[in-house]
Amino acid sequence: MCTGCLRNVDEITRWSTMTRRQQTHVMQHTLPLREQLRQSLRGSLAEHERLLRALHPLDQPPAGDGWNRSELIDLLPPGPPVEAAVLAGIVPRPEGAQVILTRRTETLRQHGGQVGFPGGRTEPDDRDAVAAALRESQEEIALPSAQVQVLGYLDPFVTITGYRVTPVVAVIDPAFVAVPQPAEVAEVFEVPLAYLMEPANLHQVEIDHRGRIRHVLEYGWPGQRIWGATAAILYNLRRRLEQTP
């Protein structure tokens, strides 16, 4: 990415072949949102350029069975994992970048009442993980794709229920107003990215799973229990940032 003009390589390469409408969209919508993100991340672990370097590029989706699979090898259901995707959305705010999370409706058969990212199973019509994450976000919290700029991927994560989840990291227009789909989402809220990237705020707790003790990660955010797969995905983001020069 050009640090001066904030255009990425693809935009610079295609600029002369873009229509005037496409160029106007980049100048009036894409680049201002990118600059808002850069300002909101300034001075943090996730500074804009480091964040982009830490992510898997969009044209190179991450492969592999999941970075945590070895921990669950004797607990996973038989058969291949079910592909899924979530949207790890970062909202640039004047007070700093925020992460959008949802609390699931209590009556859901799976993960009822739990905190997570918008997302779900990849459907046959979904072109890729990005398409699945955007579709699910539209369905769950009415997030239009026009208010999203996808940045890249984190490492795939395997859940104990047999899903291989690909986290899609994106910046979300701060003007977006969430409208929860009540059958699936009870609440939409934001947590400061800086809080989630602070090691002291992440704890390991013991849970009983089918008579066995397992250790899972959890954040102590007031009023919400951010744990399990969601906490692990955020931990993966932090570790990738820490390992990126």
Protein backbone atom coordinates (compact mmCIF):
# COMPACT_ATOMS: atom_id res chain seq x y z
CA MET A 1 0.00 0.00 0.00
CA CYS A 2 1.18 3.51 -0.79
CA THR A 3 1.61 5.19 2.61
CA GLY A 4 1.17 8.61 1.03
CA CYS A 5 -1.98 8.18 -1.07
CA LEU A 6 -3.28 5.08 0.81
CA ARG A 7 -4.18 3.31 -2.43
CA ASN A 8 -3.31 -0.37 -2.56
CA VAL A 9 -1.36 -2.04 -5.35
CA ASP A 10 -4.49 -3.19 -7.17
CA GLU A 11 -6.02 0.30 -7.11
CA ILE A 12 -2.81 1.90 -8.35
CA THR A 13 -2.42 -0.69 -11.13
CA ARG A 14 -6.02 -0.38 -12.31
CA TRP A 15 -6.39 3.37 -11.83
CA SER A 16 -6.04 4.32 -15.50
CA THR A 17 -8.60 1.69 -16.53
CA MET A 18 -11.17 2.55 -13.86
CA THR A 19 -14.30 4.41 -14.82
CA ARG A 20 -14.76 7.91 -13.48
CA ARG A 21 -17.43 6.56 -11.14
CA GLN A 22 -15.02 3.95 -9.74
CA GLN A 23 -12.29 6.54 -9.24
CA THR A 24 -14.75 8.85 -7.48
CA HIS A 25 -15.83 6.03 -5.15
CA VAL A 26 -12.21 5.33 -4.21
CA MET A 27 -11.46 9.00 -3.60
CA GLN A 28 -14.65 9.88 -1.73
CA HIS A 29 -15.36 6.67 0.20
CA THR A 30 -12.54 4.12 0.22
CA LEU A 31 -9.59 6.37 0.99
CA PRO A 32 -11.30 8.52 3.68
CA LEU A 33 -12.35 5.38 5.55
CA ARG A 34 -8.81 4.02 5.25
CA GLU A 35 -7.44 7.27 6.68
CA GLN A 36 -9.93 7.12 9.57
CA LEU A 37 -8.70 3.63 10.36
CA ARG A 38 -5.07 4.71 10.23
CA GLN A 39 -5.73 7.58 12.62
CA SER A 40 -7.71 5.41 15.06
CA LEU A 41 -4.88 2.84 15.20
CA ARG A 42 -2.06 5.33 15.57
CA GLY A 43 0.28 4.48 18.46
CA SER A 44 -1.28 1.06 19.10
CA LEU A 45 0.00 -2.48 18.59
CA ALA A 46 -2.25 -2.68 15.54
CA GLU A 47 -0.89 0.36 13.70
CA HIS A 48 -2.35 0.43 10.21
CA GLU A 49 0.67 -0.71 8.20
CA ARG A 50 1.56 -3.42 10.73
CA LEU A 51 -2.03 -4.66 10.75
CA LEU A 52 -2.00 -5.06 6.98
CA ARG A 53 1.33 -6.93 7.10
CA ALA A 54 0.05 -9.21 9.86
CA LEU A 55 -2.94 -10.45 7.86
CA HIS A 56 -3.06 -13.09 5.16
CA PRO A 57 -3.61 -11.20 1.86
CA LEU A 58 -7.01 -11.43 0.23
CA ASP A 59 -5.54 -13.18 -2.82
CA GLN A 60 -3.86 -15.80 -0.61
CA PRO A 61 -6.53 -17.32 1.67
CA PRO A 62 -4.96 -19.29 4.53
CA ALA A 63 -4.80 -23.07 4.19
CA GLY A 64 -4.49 -25.72 6.88
CA ASP A 65 -6.80 -27.47 9.30
CA GLY A 66 -6.75 -24.74 11.94
CA TRP A 67 -4.00 -23.46 14.22
CA ASN A 68 -5.62 -25.05 17.29
CA ARG A 69 -6.60 -28.42 15.82
CA SER A 70 -3.98 -30.39 17.73
CA GLU A 71 -5.58 -29.27 21.00
CA LEU A 72 -8.94 -30.77 20.00
CA ILE A 73 -7.87 -33.80 17.99
CA ASP A 74 -9.58 -36.30 20.32
CA LEU A 75 -12.69 -34.17 20.81
CA LEU A 76 -13.72 -33.28 17.27
CA PRO A 77 -16.72 -35.00 15.64
CA PRO A 78 -15.92 -37.51 12.88
CA GLY A 79 -15.66 -36.43 9.26
CA PRO A 80 -14.31 -33.31 7.58
CA PRO A 81 -14.90 -29.93 9.24
CA VAL A 82 -17.74 -27.67 8.14
CA GLU A 83 -16.45 -24.47 6.53
CA ALA A 84 -17.53 -21.22 8.16
CA ALA A 85 -16.47 -17.57 8.22
CA VAL A 86 -16.79 -14.63 10.60
CA LEU A 87 -16.31 -10.90 10.15
CA ALA A 88 -13.87 -9.33 12.60
CA GLY A 89 -14.96 -5.77 11.98
CA ILE A 90 -12.89 -2.81 13.16
CA VAL A 91 -14.68 0.54 13.48
CA PRO A 92 -12.51 3.68 13.49
CA ARG A 93 -13.66 6.07 16.22
CA PRO A 94 -12.13 9.36 17.44
CA GLU A 95 -11.40 7.68 20.79
CA GLY A 96 -9.70 4.73 19.08
CA ALA A 97 -10.53 1.66 17.01
CA GLN A 98 -13.40 -0.55 18.22
CA VAL A 99 -14.30 -4.16 17.43
CA ILE A 100 -17.92 -5.08 16.65
CA LEU A 101 -19.26 -8.09 18.55
CA THR A 102 -22.70 -9.62 18.93
CA ARG A 103 -24.48 -11.53 21.66
CA ARG A 104 -26.52 -14.39 20.28
CA THR A 105 -30.19 -14.81 21.08
CA GLU A 106 -30.64 -17.13 24.06
CA THR A 107 -33.03 -19.47 22.23
CA LEU A 108 -30.59 -20.46 19.47
CA ARG A 109 -29.85 -24.18 19.39
CA GLN A 110 -26.10 -23.59 19.03
CA HIS A 111 -24.15 -20.91 20.92
CA GLY A 112 -27.28 -19.32 22.39
CA GLY A 113 -26.44 -16.31 24.56
CA GLN A 114 -22.77 -16.38 23.60
CA VAL A 115 -20.70 -13.46 22.35
CA GLY A 116 -19.17 -13.74 18.90
CA PHE A 117 -18.44 -12.12 15.59
CA PRO A 118 -21.11 -11.90 12.90
CA GLY A 119 -20.77 -14.96 10.71
CA GLY A 120 -21.70 -18.56 10.15
CA ARG A 121 -21.58 -21.54 7.86
CA THR A 122 -20.27 -21.09 4.31
CA GLU A 123 -23.08 -21.84 1.86
CA PRO A 124 -22.63 -23.40 -1.62
CA ASP A 125 -23.46 -20.07 -3.28
CA ASP A 126 -20.73 -18.23 -1.36
CA ARG A 127 -17.73 -17.54 -3.60
CA ASP A 128 -15.30 -17.60 -0.69
CA ALA A 129 -14.94 -16.85 3.02
CA VAL A 130 -15.27 -13.12 2.39
CA ALA A 131 -18.61 -13.61 0.63
CA ALA A 132 -19.85 -15.82 3.47
CA ALA A 133 -18.79 -13.37 6.20
CA LEU A 134 -20.40 -10.42 4.39
CA ARG A 135 -23.62 -12.32 3.71
CA GLU A 136 -23.95 -13.44 7.31
CA SER A 137 -23.20 -9.91 8.58
CA GLN A 138 -25.93 -8.52 6.32
CA GLU A 139 -28.39 -11.12 7.61
CA GLU A 140 -27.49 -10.80 11.29
CA ILE A 141 -26.88 -7.08 11.84
CA ALA A 142 -27.94 -5.46 8.50
CA LEU A 143 -24.37 -4.49 7.57
CA PRO A 144 -24.28 -3.42 3.90
CA SER A 145 -21.21 -4.54 1.98
CA ALA A 146 -20.86 -0.95 0.75
CA GLN A 147 -19.90 0.04 4.32
CA VAL A 148 -17.16 -2.60 4.59
CA GLN A 149 -13.57 -2.66 3.36
CA VAL A 150 -12.05 -6.10 3.71
CA LEU A 151 -8.39 -6.08 4.77
CA GLY A 152 -7.32 -9.73 4.93
CA TYR A 153 -7.56 -13.01 6.85
CA LEU A 154 -6.47 -14.41 10.18
CA ASP A 155 -5.52 -18.06 10.65
CA PRO A 156 -8.35 -20.62 10.44
CA PHE A 157 -9.69 -21.82 13.79
CA VAL A 158 -11.38 -25.15 14.52
CA THR A 159 -14.30 -25.25 16.94
CA ILE A 160 -15.14 -28.19 19.16
CA THR A 161 -18.42 -28.53 17.23
CA GLY A 162 -16.50 -29.33 14.03
CA TYR A 163 -16.38 -26.00 12.19
CA ARG A 164 -13.28 -24.64 10.46
CA VAL A 165 -13.73 -20.89 10.85
CA THR A 166 -11.92 -18.39 8.64
CA PRO A 167 -11.84 -14.93 10.27
CA VAL A 168 -12.13 -12.07 7.79
CA VAL A 169 -10.75 -8.76 9.11
CA ALA A 170 -12.36 -5.59 7.78
CA VAL A 171 -12.81 -1.91 8.51
CA ILE A 172 -16.41 -0.79 8.95
CA ASP A 173 -17.78 2.66 8.21
CA PRO A 174 -18.33 4.41 11.57
CA ALA A 175 -21.64 5.72 10.21
CA PHE A 176 -23.00 2.17 10.17
CA VAL A 177 -25.93 1.61 12.54
CA ALA A 178 -26.49 -2.03 13.44
CA VAL A 179 -29.98 -3.52 13.26
CA PRO A 180 -29.91 -6.92 15.00
CA GLN A 181 -31.95 -9.73 13.47
CA PRO A 182 -33.88 -10.70 16.64
CA ALA A 183 -34.12 -14.39 15.80
CA GLU A 184 -30.32 -14.62 15.87
CA VAL A 185 -28.84 -11.58 17.60
CA ALA A 186 -29.90 -10.11 20.93
CA GLU A 187 -27.33 -7.31 21.09
CA VAL A 188 -24.58 -5.61 19.08
CA PHE A 189 -21.81 -3.82 20.96
CA GLU A 190 -18.26 -2.52 20.55
CA VAL A 191 -15.10 -3.17 22.56
CA PRO A 192 -11.90 -1.10 22.20
CA LEU A 193 -9.33 -2.93 20.10
CA ALA A 194 -6.61 -1.68 22.47
CA TYR A 195 -8.31 -3.49 25.37
CA LEU A 196 -8.50 -6.73 23.38
CA MET A 197 -4.83 -6.48 22.38
CA GLU A 198 -3.62 -6.00 25.97
CA PRO A 199 -2.24 -9.36 27.25
CA ALA A 200 -3.22 -8.60 30.86
CA ASN A 201 -6.91 -8.55 29.87
CA LEU A 202 -6.93 -12.13 28.52
CA HIS A 203 -7.20 -15.01 30.98
CA GLN A 204 -7.25 -18.78 30.81
CA VAL A 205 -10.17 -20.48 32.54
CA GLU A 206 -11.17 -24.08 33.13
CA ILE A 207 -14.44 -25.51 31.83
CA ASP A 208 -15.96 -28.97 32.05
CA HIS A 209 -16.66 -30.45 28.61
CA ARG A 210 -18.26 -33.90 28.62
CA GLY A 211 -16.63 -34.71 31.89
CA ARG A 212 -13.21 -33.45 30.87
CA ILE A 213 -11.44 -30.30 31.98
CA ARG A 214 -10.53 -27.96 29.14
CA HIS A 215 -8.68 -24.65 29.25
CA VAL A 216 -10.17 -21.81 27.21
CA LEU A 217 -9.44 -18.10 26.85
CA GLU A 218 -11.68 -15.35 28.22
CA TYR A 219 -11.76 -11.55 28.42
CA GLY A 220 -13.26 -9.87 31.47
CA TRP A 221 -15.16 -7.14 29.62
CA PRO A 222 -17.82 -5.59 31.89
CA GLY A 223 -21.27 -7.01 31.27
CA GLN A 224 -20.20 -9.49 28.60
CA ARG A 225 -18.41 -12.83 28.59
CA ILE A 226 -16.04 -12.85 25.62
CA TRP A 227 -14.59 -16.35 25.60
CA GLY A 228 -13.94 -19.52 23.63
CA ALA A 229 -13.54 -19.24 19.87
CA THR A 230 -14.07 -15.47 19.85
CA ALA A 231 -11.35 -14.86 22.44
CA ALA A 232 -9.04 -17.29 20.62
CA ILE A 233 -9.50 -15.47 17.30
CA LEU A 234 -8.66 -12.16 18.98
CA TYR A 235 -5.63 -13.82 20.59
CA ASN A 236 -4.52 -14.99 17.14
CA LEU A 237 -4.77 -11.40 15.89
CA ARG A 238 -2.63 -10.19 18.79
CA ARG A 239 -0.01 -12.88 18.27
CA ARG A 240 0.23 -12.14 14.55
CA LEU A 241 0.67 -8.43 15.32
CA GLU A 242 3.32 -9.14 17.95
CA GLN A 243 5.25 -11.29 15.48
CA THR A 244 5.05 -8.70 12.69
CA PRO A 245 7.86 -6.08 12.50
